[in-house]
N, C-alpha and C. Protein backbone atom coordinates (compact mmCIF):
# COMPACT_ATOMS: atom_id res chain seq x y z
N MET A 1 0.81 -1.17 0.00
CA MET A 1 0.00 0.00 0.00
C MET A 1 0.87 1.26 0.00
N TYR A 2 2.14 1.11 0.29
CA TYR A 2 3.03 2.27 0.34
C TYR A 2 4.32 1.90 -0.37
N ALA A 3 4.88 2.82 -1.13
CA ALA A 3 6.15 2.57 -1.81
C ALA A 3 6.98 3.84 -1.80
N GLU A 4 8.28 3.65 -1.67
CA GLU A 4 9.19 4.79 -1.69
C GLU A 4 10.57 4.28 -2.04
N ALA A 5 11.33 5.09 -2.73
CA ALA A 5 12.72 4.75 -3.02
C ALA A 5 13.59 5.37 -1.94
N PHE A 6 14.43 4.56 -1.32
CA PHE A 6 15.30 5.02 -0.26
C PHE A 6 16.74 5.01 -0.77
N GLY A 7 17.53 5.95 -0.32
CA GLY A 7 18.93 6.04 -0.72
C GLY A 7 19.85 5.32 0.23
N SER A 8 19.41 4.22 0.80
CA SER A 8 20.22 3.50 1.78
C SER A 8 20.41 2.07 1.30
N GLY A 9 21.61 1.55 1.49
CA GLY A 9 21.87 0.18 1.13
C GLY A 9 21.58 -0.79 2.26
N HIS A 10 21.23 -0.28 3.41
CA HIS A 10 21.00 -1.13 4.57
C HIS A 10 19.50 -1.37 4.73
N GLU A 11 19.09 -2.54 4.31
CA GLU A 11 17.67 -2.87 4.30
C GLU A 11 17.04 -2.82 5.69
N HIS A 12 17.80 -3.19 6.72
CA HIS A 12 17.22 -3.23 8.07
C HIS A 12 16.78 -1.86 8.56
N GLU A 13 17.30 -0.79 7.94
CA GLU A 13 16.92 0.56 8.34
C GLU A 13 15.63 1.04 7.66
N LEU A 14 15.08 0.25 6.76
CA LEU A 14 13.93 0.69 5.96
C LEU A 14 12.59 0.22 6.49
N LEU A 15 12.56 -0.77 7.36
CA LEU A 15 11.29 -1.33 7.81
C LEU A 15 10.42 -0.30 8.52
N VAL A 16 10.97 0.43 9.47
CA VAL A 16 10.17 1.40 10.23
C VAL A 16 9.65 2.52 9.33
N PRO A 17 10.49 3.15 8.48
CA PRO A 17 9.93 4.19 7.61
C PRO A 17 8.86 3.65 6.65
N MET A 18 9.04 2.41 6.17
CA MET A 18 8.03 1.83 5.29
C MET A 18 6.72 1.61 6.05
N MET A 19 6.80 1.10 7.25
CA MET A 19 5.57 0.87 8.03
C MET A 19 4.91 2.19 8.40
N GLU A 20 5.70 3.19 8.74
CA GLU A 20 5.12 4.50 9.08
C GLU A 20 4.42 5.10 7.87
N GLY A 21 5.02 4.96 6.69
CA GLY A 21 4.38 5.45 5.47
C GLY A 21 3.11 4.68 5.16
N ALA A 22 3.14 3.37 5.35
CA ALA A 22 1.95 2.55 5.10
C ALA A 22 0.84 2.91 6.09
N LYS A 23 1.19 3.18 7.33
CA LYS A 23 0.18 3.58 8.33
C LYS A 23 -0.44 4.92 7.94
N ARG A 24 0.39 5.87 7.48
CA ARG A 24 -0.13 7.17 7.04
C ARG A 24 -1.10 7.01 5.88
N ASP A 25 -0.70 6.17 4.91
CA ASP A 25 -1.56 5.95 3.74
C ASP A 25 -2.87 5.28 4.13
N ALA A 26 -2.79 4.31 5.05
CA ALA A 26 -4.00 3.64 5.50
C ALA A 26 -4.95 4.63 6.16
N ASP A 27 -4.40 5.51 6.96
CA ASP A 27 -5.21 6.52 7.63
C ASP A 27 -5.82 7.48 6.61
N LEU A 28 -5.03 7.92 5.64
CA LEU A 28 -5.52 8.86 4.63
C LEU A 28 -6.61 8.26 3.74
N THR A 29 -6.57 6.96 3.55
CA THR A 29 -7.57 6.31 2.70
C THR A 29 -8.80 5.87 3.46
N GLY A 30 -8.84 6.19 4.75
CA GLY A 30 -10.02 5.89 5.55
C GLY A 30 -9.98 4.56 6.28
N LEU A 31 -8.86 3.85 6.20
CA LEU A 31 -8.75 2.58 6.91
C LEU A 31 -8.42 2.78 8.38
N GLY A 32 -7.97 3.95 8.74
CA GLY A 32 -7.67 4.27 10.13
C GLY A 32 -6.20 4.09 10.46
N PRO A 33 -5.73 4.80 11.49
CA PRO A 33 -4.30 4.74 11.86
C PRO A 33 -3.89 3.39 12.46
N ASP A 34 -4.85 2.61 12.92
CA ASP A 34 -4.54 1.32 13.54
C ASP A 34 -4.80 0.14 12.59
N PHE A 35 -4.90 0.42 11.31
CA PHE A 35 -5.22 -0.62 10.32
C PHE A 35 -4.28 -1.82 10.42
N TYR A 36 -3.00 -1.59 10.65
CA TYR A 36 -2.02 -2.68 10.64
C TYR A 36 -1.91 -3.43 11.96
N LYS A 37 -2.53 -2.95 13.00
CA LYS A 37 -2.49 -3.68 14.29
C LYS A 37 -3.14 -5.04 14.09
N GLY A 38 -2.44 -6.07 14.50
CA GLY A 38 -2.96 -7.43 14.37
C GLY A 38 -2.75 -8.05 12.99
N LYS A 39 -2.26 -7.28 12.05
CA LYS A 39 -2.00 -7.80 10.70
C LYS A 39 -0.67 -8.56 10.70
N ARG A 40 -0.48 -9.37 9.69
CA ARG A 40 0.73 -10.18 9.58
C ARG A 40 1.71 -9.53 8.62
N LEU A 41 2.98 -9.44 9.02
CA LEU A 41 4.03 -8.90 8.18
C LEU A 41 5.09 -9.98 8.01
N ILE A 42 5.48 -10.22 6.77
CA ILE A 42 6.53 -11.18 6.48
C ILE A 42 7.65 -10.42 5.77
N ALA A 43 8.88 -10.55 6.28
CA ALA A 43 10.02 -9.86 5.68
C ALA A 43 11.20 -10.82 5.65
N ASP A 44 12.19 -10.50 4.84
CA ASP A 44 13.36 -11.37 4.76
C ASP A 44 14.39 -10.98 5.82
N THR A 45 15.49 -11.71 5.86
CA THR A 45 16.50 -11.50 6.90
C THR A 45 17.12 -10.11 6.88
N GLY A 46 17.02 -9.42 5.76
CA GLY A 46 17.56 -8.06 5.68
C GLY A 46 16.87 -7.10 6.63
N SER A 47 15.66 -7.44 7.06
CA SER A 47 14.92 -6.57 7.99
C SER A 47 15.10 -6.98 9.44
N PHE A 48 15.86 -8.06 9.68
CA PHE A 48 16.04 -8.53 11.05
C PHE A 48 16.98 -7.60 11.81
N LYS A 49 16.44 -6.97 12.81
CA LYS A 49 17.19 -6.06 13.68
C LYS A 49 16.36 -5.93 14.95
N GLU A 50 17.02 -5.94 16.08
CA GLU A 50 16.31 -5.89 17.36
C GLU A 50 15.36 -4.70 17.44
N GLU A 51 15.80 -3.54 16.96
CA GLU A 51 14.95 -2.35 17.01
C GLU A 51 13.70 -2.52 16.16
N ASN A 52 13.82 -3.20 15.01
CA ASN A 52 12.65 -3.46 14.17
C ASN A 52 11.66 -4.38 14.88
N LEU A 53 12.19 -5.40 15.54
CA LEU A 53 11.31 -6.33 16.25
C LEU A 53 10.58 -5.63 17.40
N GLU A 54 11.30 -4.76 18.11
CA GLU A 54 10.67 -4.00 19.19
C GLU A 54 9.58 -3.08 18.65
N TYR A 55 9.85 -2.41 17.54
CA TYR A 55 8.87 -1.52 16.92
C TYR A 55 7.61 -2.30 16.53
N LEU A 56 7.80 -3.42 15.86
CA LEU A 56 6.65 -4.22 15.42
C LEU A 56 5.85 -4.75 16.60
N SER A 57 6.53 -5.10 17.68
CA SER A 57 5.85 -5.55 18.89
C SER A 57 5.03 -4.43 19.50
N GLU A 58 5.63 -3.24 19.59
CA GLU A 58 4.91 -2.09 20.14
C GLU A 58 3.71 -1.72 19.29
N GLU A 59 3.84 -1.91 17.97
CA GLU A 59 2.74 -1.60 17.05
C GLU A 59 1.72 -2.74 16.97
N ARG A 60 2.00 -3.83 17.69
CA ARG A 60 1.14 -5.02 17.70
C ARG A 60 0.93 -5.58 16.29
N ILE A 61 2.03 -5.66 15.55
CA ILE A 61 2.02 -6.24 14.21
C ILE A 61 2.64 -7.63 14.31
N ASP A 62 1.94 -8.63 13.80
CA ASP A 62 2.37 -10.02 13.85
C ASP A 62 3.45 -10.24 12.79
N ALA A 63 4.72 -10.15 13.18
CA ALA A 63 5.82 -10.16 12.22
C ALA A 63 6.55 -11.49 12.19
N TYR A 64 6.96 -11.87 10.99
CA TYR A 64 7.75 -13.07 10.77
C TYR A 64 8.99 -12.66 9.98
N ILE A 65 10.13 -12.56 10.70
CA ILE A 65 11.39 -12.14 10.09
C ILE A 65 12.48 -13.10 10.58
N PRO A 66 13.02 -13.92 9.70
CA PRO A 66 14.06 -14.85 10.14
C PRO A 66 15.36 -14.11 10.44
N ASP A 67 16.06 -14.57 11.47
CA ASP A 67 17.37 -13.98 11.76
C ASP A 67 18.39 -14.56 10.78
N GLN A 68 19.58 -13.99 10.77
CA GLN A 68 20.59 -14.39 9.80
C GLN A 68 21.15 -15.79 10.06
N GLN A 69 20.86 -16.37 11.18
CA GLN A 69 21.40 -17.69 11.52
C GLN A 69 20.36 -18.81 11.39
N TYR A 70 19.17 -18.51 10.87
CA TYR A 70 18.11 -19.51 10.88
C TYR A 70 18.45 -20.75 10.05
N ARG A 71 19.23 -20.60 9.00
CA ARG A 71 19.56 -21.76 8.17
C ARG A 71 20.40 -22.78 8.94
N LYS A 72 21.16 -22.30 9.92
CA LYS A 72 21.99 -23.22 10.70
C LYS A 72 21.14 -24.09 11.62
N ARG A 73 19.94 -23.62 11.97
CA ARG A 73 19.07 -24.37 12.87
C ARG A 73 18.00 -25.18 12.14
N ASP A 74 17.70 -24.80 10.91
CA ASP A 74 16.60 -25.40 10.17
C ASP A 74 17.08 -26.68 9.48
N PRO A 75 16.49 -27.84 9.83
CA PRO A 75 16.96 -29.10 9.25
C PRO A 75 16.78 -29.18 7.73
N ARG A 76 15.92 -28.35 7.17
CA ARG A 76 15.73 -28.36 5.72
C ARG A 76 16.97 -27.86 4.98
N PHE A 77 17.90 -27.23 5.69
CA PHE A 77 19.10 -26.69 5.06
C PHE A 77 20.33 -27.55 5.34
N THR A 78 20.15 -28.76 5.84
CA THR A 78 21.30 -29.60 6.18
C THR A 78 22.12 -30.00 4.97
N THR A 79 21.50 -30.04 3.79
CA THR A 79 22.24 -30.43 2.59
C THR A 79 22.69 -29.22 1.76
N MET A 80 22.52 -28.03 2.30
CA MET A 80 22.83 -26.85 1.48
C MET A 80 24.31 -26.73 1.14
N SER A 81 25.19 -27.31 1.93
CA SER A 81 26.61 -27.18 1.65
C SER A 81 26.99 -27.84 0.33
N ARG A 82 26.24 -28.84 -0.08
CA ARG A 82 26.55 -29.50 -1.35
C ARG A 82 26.24 -28.60 -2.55
N HIS A 83 25.47 -27.55 -2.31
CA HIS A 83 25.11 -26.62 -3.38
C HIS A 83 26.01 -25.39 -3.41
N LYS A 84 26.87 -25.27 -2.44
CA LYS A 84 27.77 -24.12 -2.36
C LYS A 84 28.98 -24.31 -3.27
N SER A 85 29.63 -23.22 -3.54
CA SER A 85 30.83 -23.24 -4.36
C SER A 85 31.89 -24.13 -3.69
N LYS A 86 32.61 -24.83 -4.50
CA LYS A 86 33.68 -25.71 -3.99
C LYS A 86 34.99 -24.95 -3.80
N MET A 87 34.92 -23.64 -4.01
CA MET A 87 36.12 -22.82 -3.87
C MET A 87 36.57 -22.81 -2.41
N LYS A 88 37.86 -22.99 -2.20
CA LYS A 88 38.37 -22.98 -0.83
C LYS A 88 38.42 -21.55 -0.30
N LYS A 89 38.30 -21.43 1.02
CA LYS A 89 38.44 -20.12 1.63
C LYS A 89 39.93 -19.79 1.72
N LEU A 90 40.25 -18.60 1.26
CA LEU A 90 41.66 -18.23 1.22
C LEU A 90 42.15 -17.61 2.51
N PHE A 91 41.31 -16.86 3.18
CA PHE A 91 41.78 -16.07 4.31
C PHE A 91 40.89 -16.24 5.54
N SER A 92 41.49 -16.02 6.69
CA SER A 92 40.73 -15.94 7.93
C SER A 92 40.86 -14.50 8.44
N LYS A 93 40.16 -14.19 9.50
CA LYS A 93 40.23 -12.82 10.03
C LYS A 93 41.64 -12.47 10.50
N ASP A 94 42.40 -13.47 10.87
CA ASP A 94 43.78 -13.22 11.33
C ASP A 94 44.70 -12.75 10.20
N ASP A 95 44.26 -12.93 8.95
CA ASP A 95 45.07 -12.50 7.81
C ASP A 95 44.91 -11.00 7.51
N PHE A 96 43.99 -10.35 8.19
CA PHE A 96 43.73 -8.93 7.96
C PHE A 96 44.37 -8.11 9.07
N ILE A 97 44.88 -6.94 8.72
CA ILE A 97 45.55 -6.06 9.67
C ILE A 97 44.61 -4.92 10.03
N TYR A 98 44.41 -4.71 11.33
CA TYR A 98 43.55 -3.61 11.76
C TYR A 98 44.36 -2.34 11.94
N ASP A 99 43.92 -1.27 11.29
CA ASP A 99 44.53 0.05 11.39
C ASP A 99 43.66 0.87 12.35
N LYS A 100 44.07 0.90 13.62
CA LYS A 100 43.27 1.54 14.66
C LYS A 100 43.14 3.05 14.43
N THR A 101 44.19 3.69 13.97
CA THR A 101 44.17 5.14 13.76
C THR A 101 43.08 5.55 12.78
N ASN A 102 42.90 4.78 11.71
CA ASN A 102 41.92 5.10 10.68
C ASN A 102 40.67 4.22 10.74
N ASP A 103 40.56 3.36 11.75
CA ASP A 103 39.43 2.45 11.92
C ASP A 103 39.10 1.73 10.61
N ARG A 104 40.05 0.93 10.15
CA ARG A 104 39.87 0.19 8.92
C ARG A 104 40.75 -1.05 8.97
N PHE A 105 40.49 -1.99 8.07
CA PHE A 105 41.30 -3.19 7.94
C PHE A 105 42.04 -3.14 6.61
N ILE A 106 43.18 -3.81 6.57
CA ILE A 106 43.95 -3.97 5.35
C ILE A 106 43.98 -5.46 5.03
N CYS A 107 43.55 -5.80 3.82
CA CYS A 107 43.51 -7.21 3.43
C CYS A 107 44.90 -7.70 3.04
N PRO A 108 45.09 -9.00 2.86
CA PRO A 108 46.41 -9.53 2.48
C PRO A 108 46.95 -8.96 1.16
N ALA A 109 46.06 -8.45 0.29
CA ALA A 109 46.51 -7.86 -0.97
C ALA A 109 46.79 -6.37 -0.81
N GLY A 110 46.65 -5.84 0.42
CA GLY A 110 46.95 -4.44 0.68
C GLY A 110 45.80 -3.48 0.42
N LYS A 111 44.61 -4.00 0.15
CA LYS A 111 43.44 -3.15 -0.10
C LYS A 111 42.76 -2.80 1.22
N VAL A 112 42.07 -1.66 1.23
CA VAL A 112 41.43 -1.14 2.44
C VAL A 112 39.99 -1.63 2.54
N LEU A 113 39.61 -2.05 3.74
CA LEU A 113 38.22 -2.37 4.05
C LEU A 113 37.76 -1.30 5.03
N LYS A 114 36.78 -0.51 4.64
CA LYS A 114 36.29 0.60 5.46
C LYS A 114 35.12 0.15 6.32
N TYR A 115 34.96 0.84 7.44
CA TYR A 115 33.83 0.58 8.33
C TYR A 115 32.53 0.83 7.57
N SER A 116 31.57 -0.07 7.72
CA SER A 116 30.30 0.05 7.02
C SER A 116 29.14 0.30 7.98
N VAL A 117 28.97 -0.60 8.97
CA VAL A 117 27.79 -0.51 9.83
C VAL A 117 28.01 -1.34 11.10
N ASN A 118 27.35 -0.96 12.18
CA ASN A 118 27.29 -1.81 13.37
C ASN A 118 26.22 -2.85 13.13
N GLN A 119 26.49 -4.08 13.52
CA GLN A 119 25.50 -5.14 13.37
C GLN A 119 25.23 -5.74 14.73
N LYS A 120 23.96 -6.07 14.97
CA LYS A 120 23.58 -6.67 16.24
C LYS A 120 22.68 -7.86 15.95
N LEU A 121 23.00 -8.98 16.55
CA LEU A 121 22.22 -10.19 16.42
C LEU A 121 22.11 -10.82 17.79
N ALA A 122 20.90 -10.87 18.30
CA ALA A 122 20.65 -11.39 19.65
C ALA A 122 21.52 -10.60 20.64
N ASN A 123 22.44 -11.27 21.31
CA ASN A 123 23.28 -10.60 22.31
C ASN A 123 24.69 -10.32 21.78
N THR A 124 24.87 -10.41 20.48
CA THR A 124 26.18 -10.22 19.89
C THR A 124 26.18 -8.96 19.03
N GLU A 125 27.19 -8.13 19.24
CA GLU A 125 27.34 -6.92 18.44
C GLU A 125 28.68 -6.96 17.75
N GLY A 126 28.73 -6.34 16.58
CA GLY A 126 29.99 -6.28 15.85
C GLY A 126 29.97 -5.14 14.85
N ARG A 127 31.11 -4.92 14.25
CA ARG A 127 31.24 -3.88 13.23
C ARG A 127 31.57 -4.57 11.91
N LYS A 128 30.98 -4.09 10.84
CA LYS A 128 31.19 -4.66 9.52
C LYS A 128 32.09 -3.73 8.71
N TYR A 129 33.09 -4.31 8.08
CA TYR A 129 34.03 -3.57 7.23
C TYR A 129 33.94 -4.16 5.83
N ILE A 130 33.93 -3.29 4.82
CA ILE A 130 33.82 -3.78 3.45
C ILE A 130 34.83 -3.07 2.54
N SER A 131 35.13 -3.74 1.45
CA SER A 131 35.97 -3.16 0.41
C SER A 131 35.10 -2.97 -0.83
N SER A 132 35.60 -2.28 -1.80
CA SER A 132 34.84 -2.10 -3.04
C SER A 132 34.84 -3.42 -3.81
N ARG A 133 33.81 -3.65 -4.57
CA ARG A 133 33.73 -4.87 -5.38
C ARG A 133 34.86 -4.93 -6.39
N SER A 134 35.21 -3.78 -6.93
CA SER A 134 36.28 -3.78 -7.94
C SER A 134 37.60 -4.23 -7.32
N ASN A 135 37.87 -3.86 -6.07
CA ASN A 135 39.10 -4.32 -5.41
C ASN A 135 39.14 -5.83 -5.35
N CYS A 136 38.03 -6.45 -4.97
CA CYS A 136 37.98 -7.91 -4.84
C CYS A 136 37.94 -8.60 -6.20
N ARG A 137 37.19 -8.03 -7.12
CA ARG A 137 37.04 -8.64 -8.45
C ARG A 137 38.38 -8.67 -9.19
N GLU A 138 39.19 -7.63 -9.00
CA GLU A 138 40.46 -7.52 -9.71
C GLU A 138 41.65 -7.99 -8.88
N CYS A 139 41.39 -8.58 -7.74
CA CYS A 139 42.45 -8.95 -6.80
C CYS A 139 43.38 -10.02 -7.38
N ILE A 140 44.68 -9.79 -7.20
CA ILE A 140 45.67 -10.76 -7.69
C ILE A 140 45.65 -12.05 -6.86
N LEU A 141 45.10 -11.99 -5.65
CA LEU A 141 45.04 -13.18 -4.79
C LEU A 141 43.75 -13.96 -4.97
N ARG A 142 42.86 -13.47 -5.82
CA ARG A 142 41.56 -14.11 -6.01
C ARG A 142 41.74 -15.45 -6.72
N ASP A 143 41.03 -16.45 -6.22
CA ASP A 143 41.05 -17.78 -6.82
C ASP A 143 39.94 -17.82 -7.86
N ASN A 144 40.28 -17.82 -9.12
CA ASN A 144 39.27 -17.80 -10.18
C ASN A 144 38.56 -19.07 -10.19
């Protein structure tokens, strides 16, 4: 019932603005501001964030959003490893150098991974660092 283009690459930040816009539209069309209370919302793992779950609970919206680890617990995914790439993992986190002064990591090929976002899952928090796709795509250490 509501659509908007957002300039953010982080999907988990979009659930609340989308729901607020949908609530406004429902109210404007005569369905009332509480139209979504008791309704069911289904979203993918990109929307999983503790703050989103709290918001949906406060709004009394029946939400179904799998966390990022659900495949590890779901027996239907026990054979998924046979469908994954057979490419070996080249590096572990110990292969990256942390530059505390600039809050960034340096990969084994000397490329920079910049801070992207804080991530929170259950009781675990962490920081995500990323490099540009072109750095990885053109990397001399990449296993084709």
